[in-house]
Amino acid sequence: MESLISLVQGSLSYIVPMIILLGLLIFVHELGHFLVAKYYKVRVEVFSLGFGPKIFKFKRGDTVYAISAIPLGGYVKMFGDDPTAEVSEEHRAYSFTAKPVGQRIAVVLAGPLMNFFFAIVLFAGVAVIGEQALTPKLGDIEEKSAAFAAGFRSGDTVLTAGNDPVKSWDEFQKVIEKNADQSVPVTVTRVSGEQETLQVTPKLSKNKNVLSWDRHVGEIEGLTYSSRSTLVGVRDPESTAAKAGLKTGDMITAVNGEKITKWREFEAAMLKSAGSKEPLAIEVERGLLDESKKQSEGTIVKLSIPAPNAKADATAEQLMNSIGIEFPGLYLAGIEKGSPAEKAGLQKGDRLVSIDGQPVNSFEQVANIIRSYGQNAPAEQAEVKALAVVAERDGKPVNVSIAPNMKERMNQMGKEEKRFEIGIRPMIVDATPATFQVATSSPIDAITRGFSQTMKWTSLTVLSFVRLFQAEVSPKNIGGFLSIGQMAKKSFEIGASQFLNIMAIISINLFVLNLLPVPVLDGGHLVFYSIEALRGAPLSMRKMEIAQQVGLVLLLGLMVFALFNDVTRIFN
C-alpha cells in the first residue's frame, strides 16, 4: 500500500508541474489564433485544450470551450476551415476560408507570436522576482594553466575587465571572448584583499560552445569559476583521522569553528592549525553520496582529530597525509550497473592504485589510460587484453582484470562520441559557486530584460536546429514530453524563478517549431497562404492533401523519435 502511495505521489510530482507548464503554453498559443480570428469576424466553433474526448465543456455564443482527455496540444476549430465544405452565401462572412489571404495569414501567425510575446512576459516576471547569477569570482586555477601564467590566482574576484565594471561571471566571460589576441586590462581583488591590475591576452580558440554563432572566440585556458569541494578520502583505516571517526565521502563543513566550502580553504585551515596542541574540531556532513537519499538529508557529525605535527616546509597535502586525509579523486563514488567494473568486482568506495602496473595519481590519468586502450585494441577486434587494475578496499589490495568496452556517450558539445569505458564514477564534487540575486523593480527594465532574453533564446533555438541539420549536435538531444515533465518537476521544486525560466524557454521552442515550413504545423499553412498570395490563387486540393499527409507522418515520426530518446535516456 505504501509503495502504491509512493508511486502515485511520484507520478503527481511530474504530472502537476507539466500540466501547469504545458497547459499555460497551449492556452496562450490557441488564444492567439482565437483572438485574431474573432477580430476578423471568423466564427470559432471550438476552443479546446487537449485532443480527443471532451472531459469538460461549456458553450458561450457560437463557441464550445472544452478541456479534452489527451493533453498533448490544443486546437481552435473555425467555421469554414475545411475548403471542401460548401458554405452558403449568407455565412461566408464568418467563414475562415472566405477571408482574404492576408487575414488568414494573420490568424495562423498569431499562435506562434503569442508564444513569443508570452516568453517576454515570463522573462520579465523572472527579472522582477529575481534570479541567481554567478559572481565574477575565480575557482581553482591550476599552476600549469595559461590563466595562472597570466597572473590569475584561485579565489580572485574580478572587478573590471577592459576598463568596464564587471558584475557577473557572464559579463567577464564575454569580455574575454570578444578580445581574442588583444591585450585586456583586468583588475582583481586577491584573497588577501589587495587589488592588482593584470594585462591579459586571450588566445583565439575554437569555441567549445556549439550553440554559439561564433566559431572562434577568445579564451584563457584554465580560467574557471569551479572549485573542488571539501569531500575527503581516508585511505588507511588505522590512521589518526579514521580512528577519530572520519570516513571517505565525508564533506568537511567547518574547522575549529570556521566555515569552509572549498578544498583550498580546507588546505589553508590545515596549515593554520599545524603544530597546535589543541585537536582539530571538525564538522562534517555525511551521507551526501548515498544515492538512496536526497542531498538535503546529509547527517551532521562533529569530530575531534589531533592536529598534524608541524614541519618548517610542510605542505598542506603532507599535513593531511600525516593524519590520513587525502583528496578523494581516486576513490569510486559509483559503479555503473552491468559495466566491466561491476563484473570485475570493483565496489563503491574502492581507491584506485595502479592500472597495468602504472601508478595513478589522478582520475584524469585513469580516464586517459582507459580511453587510450582503444589505440591498441580496435573496437572490431573480437578479443582484447584486459587491464590489470589494483585498488584498495579498507586498506587491503584488490586485484582485478577489466576489459573496457566501447560506449557511445554525449559530450559537452551535444555530440555523440565513441570511447572506451569501464563504468566508474570518481568521488569528485565541485563546491557550490558564489551567486548573487539579480532583480529589478522597474517595469521598463523588466520588459527590456524580458525582450533581450527572448531574443537570446530565440537565436539559440534557431541555432540548435541549424547545428542539428549540420550534424554537429546529436539528434539524441531531441526530447519529448517526458523530458518536459522532468524539467517542469525539477524547476518547480527549485522555485518560481526557475519554473518561469523553463516555461519561457519552452514557449520560445514552440514559437520556432510552429514556424517550421512543415505541413500540419502553422509554418506549413503560412507557406500555403504565402504561395496563394504570390500566385493569386490557392494550391490545388490534391497537392495540399498530399503535403498534409507527408507533414503528419513527419510530425508523428518526430514525436515517436523524441519519446524513444526520452525512454532510452531514462532507463539507460
Protein backbone atom coordinates (compact mmCIF):
# COMPACT_ATOMS: atom_id res chain seq x y z
CA MET A 1 0.00 0.00 0.00
CA GLU A 2 2.83 2.37 0.92
CA SER A 3 4.59 1.62 -2.37
CA LEU A 4 1.37 2.39 -4.27
CA ILE A 5 1.00 5.71 -2.43
CA SER A 6 4.65 6.50 -3.14
CA LEU A 7 4.14 5.72 -6.84
CA VAL A 8 1.06 7.97 -7.02
CA GLN A 9 2.88 10.79 -5.24
CA GLY A 10 5.88 10.40 -7.55
CA SER A 11 3.65 10.50 -10.63
CA LEU A 12 1.81 13.58 -9.38
CA SER A 13 5.14 15.34 -8.75
CA TYR A 14 5.75 15.10 -12.50
CA ILE A 15 2.21 15.45 -13.85
CA VAL A 16 1.08 18.56 -11.93
CA PRO A 17 4.03 20.82 -12.93
CA MET A 18 3.88 19.54 -16.52
CA ILE A 19 0.13 20.21 -16.81
CA ILE A 20 0.60 23.72 -15.43
CA LEU A 21 3.50 24.41 -17.79
CA LEU A 22 2.10 22.89 -20.97
CA GLY A 23 -1.46 23.93 -20.17
CA LEU A 24 -0.49 27.60 -19.99
CA LEU A 25 1.66 27.47 -23.13
CA ILE A 26 -1.03 25.66 -25.16
CA PHE A 27 -3.71 28.06 -23.89
CA VAL A 28 -1.63 31.10 -24.86
CA HIS A 29 -0.90 29.67 -28.31
CA GLU A 30 -4.51 28.83 -29.10
CA LEU A 31 -5.67 32.13 -27.59
CA GLY A 32 -3.62 33.93 -30.24
CA HIS A 33 -5.45 32.10 -33.04
CA PHE A 34 -8.79 32.65 -31.28
CA LEU A 35 -8.45 36.40 -30.66
CA VAL A 36 -7.31 37.28 -34.18
CA ALA A 37 -9.99 35.05 -35.70
CA LYS A 38 -12.66 36.82 -33.64
CA TYR A 39 -11.16 40.18 -34.62
CA TYR A 40 -11.70 39.34 -38.29
CA LYS A 41 -15.24 38.12 -37.57
CA VAL A 42 -14.44 34.43 -38.11
CA ARG A 43 -16.86 32.18 -36.26
CA VAL A 44 -14.92 29.98 -33.82
CA GLU A 45 -16.78 26.73 -33.18
CA VAL A 46 -14.45 25.02 -30.69
CA PHE A 47 -11.65 26.21 -28.40
CA SER A 48 -10.08 23.11 -26.87
CA LEU A 49 -7.13 22.43 -24.60
CA GLY A 50 -6.12 18.88 -25.46
CA PHE A 51 -7.39 16.41 -28.04
CA GLY A 52 -9.81 13.50 -28.03
CA PRO A 53 -12.93 13.08 -25.88
CA LYS A 54 -14.03 16.21 -24.06
CA ILE A 55 -13.98 15.78 -20.27
CA PHE A 56 -15.30 19.29 -19.57
CA LYS A 57 -17.06 21.77 -21.83
CA PHE A 58 -19.45 24.66 -21.94
CA LYS A 59 -20.83 26.84 -24.73
CA ARG A 60 -20.88 30.59 -24.86
CA GLY A 61 -22.12 32.29 -28.01
CA ASP A 62 -21.02 30.32 -31.08
CA THR A 63 -18.04 28.71 -29.34
CA VAL A 64 -17.73 25.50 -27.33
CA TYR A 65 -14.91 25.83 -24.78
CA ALA A 66 -13.50 22.45 -23.76
CA ILE A 67 -10.79 20.55 -21.94
CA SER A 68 -10.08 17.28 -23.69
CA ALA A 69 -8.62 14.00 -22.45
CA ILE A 70 -5.25 13.98 -24.26
CA PRO A 71 -3.19 16.97 -23.02
CA LEU A 72 -0.68 16.92 -25.89
CA GLY A 73 -1.74 20.15 -27.54
CA GLY A 74 -4.91 22.03 -28.36
CA TYR A 75 -6.88 23.40 -31.26
CA VAL A 76 -9.20 26.16 -32.40
CA LYS A 77 -11.83 24.93 -34.87
CA MET A 78 -13.07 27.71 -37.10
CA PHE A 79 -16.16 27.72 -39.24
CA GLY A 80 -15.32 27.10 -42.88
CA ASP A 81 -11.75 25.92 -42.24
CA ASP A 82 -12.46 22.89 -44.47
CA PRO A 83 -12.03 24.16 -48.03
CA THR A 84 -14.01 21.18 -49.41
CA ALA A 85 -17.14 22.01 -47.42
CA GLU A 86 -19.88 24.08 -49.00
CA VAL A 87 -20.66 27.39 -47.30
CA SER A 88 -23.81 29.30 -48.08
CA GLU A 89 -23.54 32.88 -49.22
CA GLU A 90 -25.13 34.24 -46.04
CA HIS A 91 -22.47 32.50 -43.87
CA ARG A 92 -19.42 33.35 -45.99
CA ALA A 93 -18.82 36.47 -43.91
CA TYR A 94 -17.99 34.18 -40.92
CA SER A 95 -16.02 31.55 -42.86
CA PHE A 96 -12.24 31.29 -42.38
CA THR A 97 -11.50 30.19 -45.95
CA ALA A 98 -13.59 33.05 -47.35
CA LYS A 99 -11.41 35.65 -45.65
CA PRO A 100 -8.68 37.45 -47.63
CA VAL A 101 -5.36 35.61 -47.62
CA GLY A 102 -3.73 38.37 -45.53
CA GLN A 103 -6.26 37.86 -42.75
CA ARG A 104 -5.78 34.08 -42.84
CA ILE A 105 -2.02 34.58 -42.52
CA ALA A 106 -2.61 36.85 -39.52
CA VAL A 107 -4.82 34.23 -37.81
CA VAL A 108 -2.27 31.46 -38.33
CA LEU A 109 0.73 33.61 -37.35
CA ALA A 110 -0.98 34.82 -34.16
CA GLY A 111 -0.47 31.49 -32.34
CA PRO A 112 3.34 31.34 -32.58
CA LEU A 113 3.64 35.09 -31.98
CA MET A 114 1.66 34.75 -28.75
CA ASN A 115 4.25 32.22 -27.56
CA PHE A 116 6.99 34.72 -28.42
CA PHE A 117 5.31 37.60 -26.56
CA PHE A 118 4.40 35.32 -23.64
CA ALA A 119 8.11 34.48 -23.28
CA ILE A 120 8.85 38.20 -22.96
CA VAL A 121 6.27 38.45 -20.16
CA LEU A 122 7.68 35.37 -18.41
CA PHE A 123 11.28 36.59 -18.58
CA ALA A 124 10.12 40.00 -17.37
CA GLY A 125 8.46 38.25 -14.44
CA VAL A 126 11.73 36.48 -13.67
CA ALA A 127 13.51 39.85 -13.74
CA VAL A 128 11.09 41.17 -11.11
CA ILE A 129 11.15 38.05 -8.92
CA GLY A 130 14.91 37.82 -9.23
CA GLU A 131 17.27 35.09 -10.37
CA GLN A 132 20.67 33.82 -9.38
CA ALA A 133 23.78 34.84 -11.33
CA LEU A 134 27.38 33.74 -10.87
CA THR A 135 29.67 36.27 -9.22
CA PRO A 136 32.92 37.04 -11.11
CA LYS A 137 34.91 35.00 -8.60
CA LEU A 138 37.60 32.63 -9.81
CA GLY A 139 37.68 28.99 -8.76
CA ASP A 140 40.67 26.65 -8.68
CA ILE A 141 43.38 27.97 -11.02
CA GLU A 142 45.89 25.23 -11.83
CA GLU A 143 49.56 26.24 -11.65
CA LYS A 144 50.38 24.86 -15.11
CA SER A 145 47.50 26.67 -16.83
CA ALA A 146 47.58 29.75 -19.06
CA ALA A 147 45.31 31.51 -16.55
CA PHE A 148 47.93 31.08 -13.81
CA ALA A 149 50.69 32.29 -16.16
CA ALA A 150 48.56 35.37 -16.91
CA GLY A 151 48.51 36.22 -13.21
CA PHE A 152 45.13 34.89 -12.09
CA ARG A 153 45.01 33.09 -8.75
CA SER A 154 42.43 30.88 -7.05
CA GLY A 155 39.77 32.91 -5.26
CA ASP A 156 40.41 36.19 -7.12
CA THR A 157 37.39 38.44 -7.60
CA VAL A 158 37.24 40.32 -10.91
CA LEU A 159 36.35 44.00 -10.51
CA THR A 160 36.85 45.35 -14.02
CA ALA A 161 37.66 43.91 -17.45
CA GLY A 162 38.55 46.11 -20.39
CA ASN A 163 38.14 49.17 -18.11
CA ASP A 164 34.44 48.35 -17.59
CA PRO A 165 32.98 47.23 -14.23
CA VAL A 166 32.14 43.52 -14.06
CA LYS A 167 29.11 42.39 -12.08
CA SER A 168 28.77 38.74 -13.11
CA TRP A 169 30.83 35.86 -14.49
CA ASP A 170 28.91 36.06 -17.80
CA GLU A 171 29.96 39.69 -18.26
CA PHE A 172 33.60 38.78 -17.58
CA GLN A 173 33.43 35.80 -19.95
CA LYS A 174 32.01 37.97 -22.77
CA VAL A 175 34.91 40.42 -22.46
CA ILE A 176 37.42 37.55 -22.72
CA GLU A 177 35.62 36.01 -25.71
CA LYS A 178 35.37 39.29 -27.65
CA ASN A 179 39.01 40.31 -27.25
CA ALA A 180 40.93 37.47 -28.85
CA ASP A 181 44.63 38.27 -29.41
CA GLN A 182 44.17 41.69 -27.80
CA SER A 183 45.63 42.93 -24.52
CA VAL A 184 42.88 43.44 -21.94
CA PRO A 185 43.37 45.08 -18.53
CA VAL A 186 41.68 43.06 -15.77
CA THR A 187 41.56 44.33 -12.19
CA VAL A 188 41.16 41.69 -9.50
CA THR A 189 40.92 41.61 -5.74
CA ARG A 190 43.13 38.94 -4.21
CA VAL A 191 42.03 36.74 -1.32
CA SER A 192 44.29 38.90 0.86
CA GLY A 193 42.22 41.97 -0.07
CA GLU A 194 44.87 43.59 -2.27
CA GLN A 195 43.92 44.88 -5.72
CA GLU A 196 46.02 44.24 -8.80
CA THR A 197 45.60 45.01 -12.50
CA LEU A 198 46.66 42.33 -14.93
CA GLN A 199 47.31 42.69 -18.66
CA VAL A 200 45.96 39.51 -20.23
CA THR A 201 45.74 38.41 -23.87
CA PRO A 202 43.00 35.86 -24.63
CA LYS A 203 44.02 33.36 -27.30
CA LEU A 204 41.83 32.87 -30.37
CA SER A 205 40.46 29.35 -29.96
CA LYS A 206 37.75 27.13 -31.36
CA ASN A 207 34.52 27.82 -29.50
CA LYS A 208 33.66 24.89 -27.23
CA ASN A 209 30.06 26.07 -27.10
CA VAL A 210 28.40 24.52 -30.15
CA LEU A 211 25.31 26.68 -29.58
CA SER A 212 27.10 29.88 -30.49
CA TRP A 213 27.17 31.70 -33.81
CA ASP A 214 30.87 32.46 -33.23
CA ARG A 215 33.06 29.58 -34.38
CA HIS A 216 36.16 31.04 -32.69
CA VAL A 217 36.38 33.17 -29.56
CA GLY A 218 38.96 34.45 -27.12
CA GLU A 219 39.93 32.02 -24.38
CA ILE A 220 42.31 31.83 -21.45
CA GLU A 221 42.94 28.15 -20.75
CA GLY A 222 42.31 27.19 -17.14
CA LEU A 223 40.13 30.18 -16.28
CA THR A 224 37.18 28.84 -14.30
CA TYR A 225 34.71 29.58 -11.54
CA SER A 226 34.65 25.92 -10.38
CA SER A 227 36.31 24.86 -7.15
CA ARG A 228 36.79 21.42 -5.64
CA SER A 229 34.59 20.75 -2.64
CA THR A 230 35.78 19.52 0.77
CA LEU A 231 34.83 15.89 0.16
CA VAL A 232 37.62 13.77 1.69
CA GLY A 233 39.20 10.37 1.24
CA VAL A 234 40.50 8.32 4.19
CA ARG A 235 42.88 5.68 2.86
CA ASP A 236 44.18 3.90 5.96
CA PRO A 237 41.60 2.54 8.46
CA GLU A 238 44.33 2.71 11.13
CA SER A 239 45.15 6.38 10.50
CA THR A 240 44.57 9.16 13.02
CA ALA A 241 41.66 10.57 11.02
CA ALA A 242 39.98 7.15 10.64
CA LYS A 243 40.29 6.35 14.34
CA ALA A 244 38.74 9.74 15.13
CA GLY A 245 35.68 8.72 13.05
CA LEU A 246 36.32 10.46 9.71
CA LYS A 247 35.14 8.44 6.68
CA THR A 248 35.72 8.54 2.95
CA GLY A 249 32.95 10.62 1.37
CA ASP A 250 32.54 12.95 4.36
CA MET A 251 32.35 16.63 3.46
CA ILE A 252 34.17 18.99 5.79
CA THR A 253 31.98 21.98 6.59
CA ALA A 254 33.96 23.63 9.42
CA VAL A 255 37.42 23.50 11.03
CA ASN A 256 37.79 24.96 14.53
CA GLY A 257 34.51 26.84 14.11
CA GLU A 258 35.48 28.37 10.76
CA LYS A 259 33.03 27.50 7.97
CA ILE A 260 34.61 26.22 4.74
CA THR A 261 33.21 25.01 1.41
CA LYS A 262 36.29 24.60 -0.82
CA TRP A 263 39.26 22.23 -0.75
CA ARG A 264 41.75 25.12 -0.87
CA GLU A 265 40.06 26.58 2.23
CA PHE A 266 40.49 23.23 3.94
CA GLU A 267 44.20 23.24 3.00
CA ALA A 268 44.59 26.75 4.45
CA ALA A 269 42.87 25.67 7.67
CA MET A 270 45.23 22.66 7.98
CA LEU A 271 48.32 24.87 7.52
CA LYS A 272 46.96 27.30 10.09
CA SER A 273 46.37 24.59 12.71
CA ALA A 274 49.56 22.58 12.12
CA GLY A 275 51.56 22.01 15.31
CA SER A 276 48.73 23.13 17.57
CA LYS A 277 48.46 21.35 20.89
CA GLU A 278 44.69 21.58 20.63
CA PRO A 279 42.89 18.95 18.50
CA LEU A 280 41.07 19.93 15.33
CA ALA A 281 37.35 20.47 15.89
CA ILE A 282 35.96 19.27 12.58
CA GLU A 283 32.33 19.35 11.49
CA VAL A 284 31.38 17.05 8.61
CA GLU A 285 28.29 16.30 6.57
CA ARG A 286 27.89 12.58 6.00
CA GLY A 287 25.78 10.63 3.52
CA LEU A 288 25.82 13.11 0.62
CA LEU A 289 26.93 10.40 -1.83
CA ASP A 290 24.29 7.94 -0.66
CA GLU A 291 22.11 7.64 -3.79
CA SER A 292 19.16 6.42 -1.72
CA LYS A 293 18.94 9.82 -0.03
CA LYS A 294 18.44 13.37 -1.16
CA GLN A 295 21.36 15.78 -0.76
CA SER A 296 19.45 17.67 1.90
CA GLU A 297 19.42 14.54 4.09
CA GLY A 298 23.12 14.62 4.96
CA THR A 299 23.93 13.88 8.61
CA ILE A 300 25.97 16.44 10.57
CA VAL A 301 28.78 14.87 12.61
CA LYS A 302 31.25 16.63 14.92
CA LEU A 303 34.71 15.09 15.32
CA SER A 304 37.89 15.84 17.24
CA ILE A 305 41.12 14.97 15.42
CA PRO A 306 44.68 15.51 16.73
CA ALA A 307 46.40 18.33 14.83
CA PRO A 308 49.21 17.22 12.49
CA ASN A 309 52.80 17.74 13.59
CA ALA A 310 54.27 20.89 12.05
CA LYS A 311 57.35 20.94 9.83
CA ALA A 312 59.00 24.08 8.59
CA ASP A 313 58.40 23.39 4.91
CA ALA A 314 55.43 21.01 5.14
CA THR A 315 52.72 21.44 2.51
CA ALA A 316 49.02 21.16 3.22
CA GLU A 317 48.95 17.85 1.33
CA GLN A 318 51.74 16.45 3.53
CA LEU A 319 49.99 17.58 6.69
CA MET A 320 46.74 15.93 5.60
CA ASN A 321 48.52 12.71 4.63
CA SER A 322 50.22 12.58 8.02
CA ILE A 323 46.83 12.12 9.70
CA GLY A 324 45.29 10.01 6.93
CA ILE A 325 43.32 12.54 4.83
CA GLU A 326 43.64 12.96 1.05
CA PHE A 327 41.79 14.38 -1.92
CA PRO A 328 39.25 11.70 -2.99
CA GLY A 329 39.80 11.88 -6.76
CA LEU A 330 40.91 8.23 -6.97
CA TYR A 331 38.00 6.88 -4.91
CA LEU A 332 34.96 5.47 -6.68
CA ALA A 333 31.66 7.19 -5.96
CA GLY A 334 29.64 4.85 -8.18
CA ILE A 335 29.79 1.78 -10.38
CA GLU A 336 27.56 1.55 -13.45
CA LYS A 337 25.25 -1.46 -13.39
CA GLY A 338 26.30 -4.21 -15.78
CA SER A 339 29.60 -2.44 -16.51
CA PRO A 340 33.00 -4.17 -16.83
CA ALA A 341 33.98 -2.66 -13.45
CA GLU A 342 30.96 -4.19 -11.71
CA LYS A 343 31.50 -7.57 -13.35
CA ALA A 344 35.17 -7.50 -12.28
CA GLY A 345 34.18 -6.86 -8.67
CA LEU A 346 35.07 -3.19 -8.08
CA GLN A 347 32.87 -1.55 -5.45
CA LYS A 348 31.80 1.92 -4.43
CA GLY A 349 34.42 3.39 -2.10
CA ASP A 350 37.38 1.50 -3.62
CA ARG A 351 40.54 3.54 -4.20
CA LEU A 352 42.41 3.05 -7.49
CA VAL A 353 46.14 2.44 -7.09
CA SER A 354 47.51 1.35 -10.47
CA ILE A 355 46.47 0.24 -13.96
CA ASP A 356 48.65 -2.22 -15.88
CA GLY A 357 51.47 -1.62 -13.42
CA GLN A 358 51.35 2.15 -13.86
CA PRO A 359 50.67 4.03 -10.59
CA VAL A 360 47.85 6.57 -10.94
CA ASN A 361 47.77 9.95 -9.22
CA SER A 362 44.55 11.49 -10.57
CA PHE A 363 41.29 10.40 -12.13
CA GLU A 364 42.19 12.33 -15.27
CA GLN A 365 45.18 9.99 -15.63
CA VAL A 366 42.89 6.99 -15.08
CA ALA A 367 40.46 8.20 -17.77
CA ASN A 368 43.29 8.80 -20.26
CA ILE A 369 44.70 5.29 -19.75
CA ILE A 370 41.28 3.70 -20.28
CA ARG A 371 40.49 5.79 -23.36
CA SER A 372 43.90 5.19 -24.93
CA TYR A 373 43.16 1.47 -24.58
CA GLY A 374 41.40 1.76 -27.92
CA GLN A 375 44.66 2.65 -29.67
CA ASN A 376 45.94 -0.87 -29.06
CA ALA A 377 42.59 -2.64 -29.06
CA PRO A 378 40.37 -1.67 -32.01
CA ALA A 379 36.61 -1.85 -31.49
CA GLU A 380 36.19 -4.53 -34.17
CA GLN A 381 38.72 -6.84 -32.52
CA ALA A 382 36.93 -9.87 -31.08
CA GLU A 383 39.20 -10.48 -28.09
CA VAL A 384 41.18 -7.81 -26.30
CA LYS A 385 43.69 -7.86 -23.49
CA ALA A 386 42.20 -6.93 -20.13
CA LEU A 387 43.65 -4.18 -17.95
CA ALA A 388 45.25 -5.25 -14.67
CA VAL A 389 43.71 -2.92 -12.08
CA VAL A 390 44.93 -2.67 -8.49
CA ALA A 391 42.60 -1.00 -5.98
CA GLU A 392 42.40 -0.67 -2.21
CA ARG A 393 39.41 -1.58 -0.08
CA ASP A 394 39.53 -0.95 3.68
CA GLY A 395 43.30 -0.65 3.41
CA LYS A 396 43.75 -4.01 1.65
CA PRO A 397 44.74 -4.54 -2.00
CA VAL A 398 42.17 -5.75 -4.54
CA ASN A 399 43.44 -7.10 -7.88
CA VAL A 400 41.04 -7.36 -10.81
CA SER A 401 41.21 -7.68 -14.60
CA ILE A 402 38.92 -5.40 -16.61
CA ALA A 403 38.37 -5.29 -20.36
CA PRO A 404 36.93 -1.85 -21.24
CA ASN A 405 34.02 -1.77 -23.65
CA MET A 406 33.16 0.78 -26.31
CA LYS A 407 30.34 3.18 -25.40
CA GLU A 408 28.58 5.96 -27.24
CA ARG A 409 28.34 8.99 -24.99
CA MET A 410 27.15 12.56 -25.40
CA ASN A 411 29.98 15.03 -24.91
CA GLN A 412 29.67 18.55 -23.51
CA MET A 413 29.10 19.90 -27.02
CA GLY A 414 26.00 17.75 -27.51
CA LYS A 415 27.67 15.42 -29.98
CA GLU A 416 27.98 11.65 -29.74
CA GLU A 417 31.42 10.16 -29.47
CA LYS A 418 32.69 6.63 -29.06
CA ARG A 419 35.14 5.87 -26.29
CA PHE A 420 36.33 3.03 -24.10
CA GLU A 421 34.95 2.91 -20.56
CA ILE A 422 34.83 0.55 -17.59
CA GLY A 423 31.82 2.18 -15.87
CA ILE A 424 33.25 4.03 -12.89
CA ARG A 425 32.48 7.46 -11.43
CA PRO A 426 35.06 9.34 -9.31
CA MET A 427 34.40 10.89 -5.93
CA ILE A 428 34.89 14.42 -7.25
CA VAL A 429 32.29 17.05 -6.42
CA ASP A 430 32.50 20.78 -7.16
CA ALA A 431 31.71 23.28 -4.44
CA THR A 432 28.62 25.41 -4.99
CA PRO A 433 29.85 28.58 -6.75
CA ALA A 434 29.15 32.02 -5.31
CA THR A 435 25.99 33.63 -6.68
CA PHE A 436 24.03 36.82 -6.17
CA GLN A 437 20.41 37.83 -6.70
CA VAL A 438 19.62 39.87 -9.81
CA ALA A 439 16.25 41.63 -9.70
CA THR A 440 14.60 44.86 -10.81
CA SER A 441 11.61 46.83 -9.60
CA SER A 442 11.37 48.93 -12.77
CA PRO A 443 8.69 47.74 -15.24
CA ILE A 444 10.67 49.21 -18.16
CA ASP A 445 13.86 47.42 -17.09
CA ALA A 446 11.90 44.19 -16.61
CA ILE A 447 10.36 44.34 -20.11
CA THR A 448 13.74 45.25 -21.60
CA ARG A 449 15.30 42.26 -19.85
CA GLY A 450 12.41 40.08 -20.98
CA PHE A 451 12.86 41.13 -24.61
CA SER A 452 16.64 40.65 -24.61
CA GLN A 453 16.34 37.19 -23.01
CA THR A 454 13.64 36.21 -25.51
CA MET A 455 15.80 37.29 -28.45
CA LYS A 456 18.78 35.44 -26.97
CA TRP A 457 16.89 32.16 -26.52
CA THR A 458 15.17 32.50 -29.90
CA SER A 459 18.60 32.78 -31.51
CA LEU A 460 19.85 29.76 -29.54
CA THR A 461 16.80 27.72 -30.51
CA VAL A 462 17.18 28.52 -34.20
CA LEU A 463 20.91 27.73 -33.94
CA SER A 464 20.16 24.39 -32.30
CA PHE A 465 18.10 23.41 -35.37
CA VAL A 466 20.91 24.60 -37.66
CA ARG A 467 23.52 22.58 -35.75
CA LEU A 468 21.19 19.59 -35.78
CA PHE A 469 20.91 19.67 -39.58
CA GLN A 470 24.68 20.22 -39.80
CA ALA A 471 25.14 17.02 -37.74
CA GLU A 472 27.13 18.97 -35.15
CA VAL A 473 24.56 18.16 -32.47
CA SER A 474 23.29 14.63 -31.99
CA PRO A 475 19.58 14.04 -32.74
CA LYS A 476 19.52 12.12 -29.46
CA ASN A 477 19.32 15.52 -27.77
CA ILE A 478 15.74 15.84 -29.06
CA GLY A 479 13.40 15.34 -26.13
CA GLY A 480 9.66 14.87 -25.81
CA PHE A 481 7.00 15.10 -23.16
CA LEU A 482 8.96 13.02 -20.63
CA SER A 483 11.86 15.45 -20.87
CA ILE A 484 9.48 18.37 -20.45
CA GLY A 485 7.96 16.62 -17.44
CA GLN A 486 11.36 16.18 -15.82
CA MET A 487 12.34 19.80 -16.45
CA ALA A 488 8.98 21.01 -15.15
CA LYS A 489 9.32 18.93 -11.98
CA LYS A 490 12.91 19.95 -11.21
CA SER A 491 12.36 23.65 -11.91
CA PHE A 492 9.08 23.62 -9.93
CA GLU A 493 10.94 22.22 -6.92
CA ILE A 494 13.69 24.85 -7.18
CA GLY A 495 11.32 27.82 -7.22
CA ALA A 496 9.12 30.19 -9.21
CA SER A 497 12.01 31.94 -10.97
CA GLN A 498 13.45 28.73 -12.40
CA PHE A 499 10.00 27.39 -13.33
CA LEU A 500 9.13 30.56 -15.24
CA ASN A 501 12.53 30.44 -16.97
CA ILE A 502 11.89 26.91 -18.20
CA MET A 503 8.36 27.85 -19.28
CA ALA A 504 9.70 30.82 -21.26
CA ILE A 505 12.35 28.69 -23.00
CA ILE A 506 9.79 26.04 -23.97
CA SER A 507 7.44 28.80 -25.16
CA ILE A 508 10.21 30.02 -27.48
CA ASN A 509 10.77 26.46 -28.70
CA LEU A 510 7.06 26.26 -29.56
CA PHE A 511 7.30 29.60 -31.36
CA VAL A 512 10.20 28.41 -33.54
CA LEU A 513 8.92 24.86 -34.01
CA ASN A 514 5.49 26.00 -35.14
CA LEU A 515 7.03 28.29 -37.75
CA LEU A 516 8.92 25.46 -39.44
CA PRO A 517 7.62 25.05 -43.02
CA VAL A 518 6.11 21.63 -42.28
CA PRO A 519 2.54 20.94 -43.38
CA VAL A 520 0.21 20.42 -40.40
CA LEU A 521 2.20 23.00 -38.40
CA ASP A 522 1.39 26.72 -38.55
CA GLY A 523 4.51 27.24 -40.64
CA GLY A 524 3.17 24.88 -43.29
CA HIS A 525 -0.11 26.79 -43.52
CA LEU A 526 1.85 30.03 -43.80
CA VAL A 527 3.73 28.58 -46.78
CA PHE A 528 0.44 27.62 -48.48
CA TYR A 529 -1.08 31.06 -47.91
CA SER A 530 2.10 32.84 -48.99
CA ILE A 531 2.10 30.89 -52.27
CA GLU A 532 -1.57 31.77 -52.72
CA ALA A 533 -0.79 35.46 -52.13
CA LEU A 534 2.04 35.39 -54.70
CA ARG A 535 0.26 33.47 -57.45
CA GLY A 536 -3.20 34.92 -56.82
CA ALA A 537 -4.83 31.50 -56.38
CA PRO A 538 -4.62 28.69 -53.83
CA LEU A 539 -2.80 25.43 -54.47
CA SER A 540 -4.90 22.55 -55.69
CA MET A 541 -6.66 20.46 -53.06
CA ARG A 542 -4.75 17.36 -54.16
CA LYS A 543 -1.36 19.00 -53.62
CA MET A 544 -2.36 20.32 -50.20
CA GLU A 545 -3.74 16.94 -49.14
CA ILE A 546 -0.51 15.19 -50.12
CA ALA A 547 1.54 17.83 -48.31
CA GLN A 548 -0.63 17.49 -45.18
CA GLN A 549 -0.23 13.71 -45.18
CA VAL A 550 3.56 14.00 -45.52
CA GLY A 551 3.65 16.61 -42.77
CA LEU A 552 1.56 14.42 -40.48
CA VAL A 553 3.89 11.47 -40.99
CA LEU A 554 6.92 13.67 -40.29
CA LEU A 555 5.35 15.11 -37.15
CA LEU A 556 4.30 11.71 -35.78
CA GLY A 557 7.74 10.32 -36.62
CA LEU A 558 9.38 13.16 -34.72
CA MET A 559 7.13 12.58 -31.69
CA VAL A 560 7.91 8.85 -31.67
CA PHE A 561 11.64 9.56 -32.03
CA ALA A 562 11.55 12.08 -29.16
CA LEU A 563 9.67 9.59 -26.97
CA PHE A 564 12.22 6.89 -27.82
CA ASN A 565 15.05 9.25 -26.81
CA ASP A 566 13.29 10.02 -23.53
CA VAL A 567 12.73 6.37 -22.65
CA THR A 568 16.28 5.39 -23.68
CA ARG A 569 17.80 8.19 -21.62
CA ILE A 570 15.71 7.48 -18.53
CA PHE A 571 16.28 3.72 -18.48
CA ASN A 572 19.93 3.83 -19.60
